[in-house]
């Protein structure tokens, strides 16, 4: 969400044309951003691309660019389980 990005100090790129995204609720316009560092428990990911749009409301979504850097991930009921790579091959 825009509010979460601003609260986290993420710079939103307002230059140029917006990105058009097809969502389940229709087409929206969004802006690109970069997350310098994202820490979730013991998992640290750096230099992640992000997309920010007012149309997302207060919803925040973890993208596949983050999830694919993990050893594995799964959903059990309503809980997302993140399995980091071992110390020698963890997300950068």
Protein backbone atom coordinates (compact mmCIF):
# COMPACT_ATOMS: atom_id res chain seq x y z
CA UNK A 1 0.00 0.00 0.00
CA UNK A 2 1.06 3.61 -0.44
CA UNK A 3 0.80 4.22 3.32
CA UNK A 4 3.02 1.23 4.14
CA UNK A 5 5.60 2.23 1.53
CA UNK A 6 5.73 5.78 2.87
CA UNK A 7 5.91 4.58 6.50
CA UNK A 8 8.82 2.28 5.59
CA UNK A 9 10.68 5.11 3.84
CA UNK A 10 10.46 3.46 0.42
CA UNK A 11 11.05 5.88 -2.44
CA UNK A 12 8.24 5.68 -4.98
CA UNK A 13 9.27 6.59 -8.53
CA UNK A 14 6.78 9.24 -9.66
CA UNK A 15 8.71 10.07 -12.83
CA UNK A 16 7.63 8.83 -16.23
CA UNK A 17 4.59 6.79 -17.05
CA UNK A 18 2.84 4.57 -14.48
CA UNK A 19 2.86 0.79 -14.75
CA UNK A 20 -0.42 -0.81 -15.83
CA UNK A 21 -1.36 -3.95 -13.92
CA UNK A 22 -4.17 -6.43 -14.62
CA UNK A 23 -5.69 -7.45 -11.28
CA UNK A 24 -8.67 -9.60 -10.35
CA UNK A 25 -10.56 -6.32 -9.85
CA UNK A 26 -9.56 -4.83 -13.20
CA UNK A 27 -6.74 -2.74 -14.63
CA UNK A 28 -4.97 -0.30 -12.29
CA UNK A 29 -2.09 2.14 -12.57
CA UNK A 30 0.84 1.75 -10.19
CA UNK A 31 4.29 3.18 -9.53
CA UNK A 32 7.58 1.34 -9.26
CA UNK A 33 9.66 1.38 -6.10
CA UNK A 34 12.73 -0.39 -4.66
CA UNK A 35 13.02 -1.88 -1.22
CA UNK A 36 16.62 -1.56 -0.07
CA UNK A 37 16.22 -4.19 2.66
CA UNK A 38 13.29 -6.32 3.79
CA UNK A 39 13.65 -8.30 7.01
CA UNK A 40 11.14 -10.97 8.01
CA UNK A 41 12.36 -12.79 11.11
CA UNK A 42 15.75 -14.29 10.19
CA UNK A 43 15.21 -13.67 6.47
CA UNK A 44 16.89 -10.62 4.93
CA UNK A 45 16.32 -9.70 1.27
CA UNK A 46 17.93 -6.71 -0.42
CA UNK A 47 17.20 -4.58 -3.47
CA UNK A 48 13.69 -5.83 -4.18
CA UNK A 49 11.49 -4.34 -6.88
CA UNK A 50 8.09 -3.25 -5.59
CA UNK A 51 4.89 -1.85 -7.02
CA UNK A 52 2.79 0.72 -5.16
CA UNK A 53 -0.71 1.89 -6.06
CA UNK A 54 -3.54 3.75 -4.29
CA UNK A 55 -5.89 1.14 -5.79
CA UNK A 56 -4.35 -1.48 -3.47
CA UNK A 57 -5.97 0.35 -0.53
CA UNK A 58 -4.42 -0.86 2.71
CA UNK A 59 -3.46 -4.26 1.27
CA UNK A 60 0.18 -5.35 1.24
CA UNK A 61 1.28 -8.34 -0.84
CA UNK A 62 4.52 -10.32 -0.78
CA UNK A 63 5.73 -10.74 -4.35
CA UNK A 64 7.19 -13.76 -6.08
CA UNK A 65 10.51 -11.92 -6.41
CA UNK A 66 10.83 -12.31 -2.61
CA UNK A 67 9.19 -15.73 -2.29
CA UNK A 68 11.36 -17.26 -5.02
CA UNK A 69 14.50 -16.30 -3.07
CA UNK A 70 13.48 -18.66 -0.25
CA UNK A 71 14.21 -22.36 0.18
CA UNK A 72 10.44 -22.89 0.16
CA UNK A 73 7.13 -21.38 1.20
CA UNK A 74 3.66 -22.77 1.80
CA UNK A 75 0.29 -21.90 3.23
CA UNK A 76 -1.14 -23.87 6.13
CA UNK A 77 -4.69 -22.75 6.83
CA UNK A 78 -4.39 -18.97 7.03
CA UNK A 79 -0.67 -18.97 7.88
CA UNK A 80 2.15 -18.33 5.41
CA UNK A 81 5.22 -20.46 6.27
CA UNK A 82 8.53 -19.06 4.96
CA UNK A 83 11.57 -21.35 4.89
CA UNK A 84 14.82 -19.39 4.41
CA UNK A 85 17.78 -20.80 2.55
CA UNK A 86 20.59 -22.07 4.77
CA UNK A 87 23.21 -19.56 5.95
CA UNK A 88 25.48 -20.24 2.98
CA UNK A 89 22.83 -19.63 0.32
CA UNK A 90 20.25 -17.31 1.85
CA UNK A 91 18.48 -14.45 0.09
CA UNK A 92 20.76 -11.52 -0.57
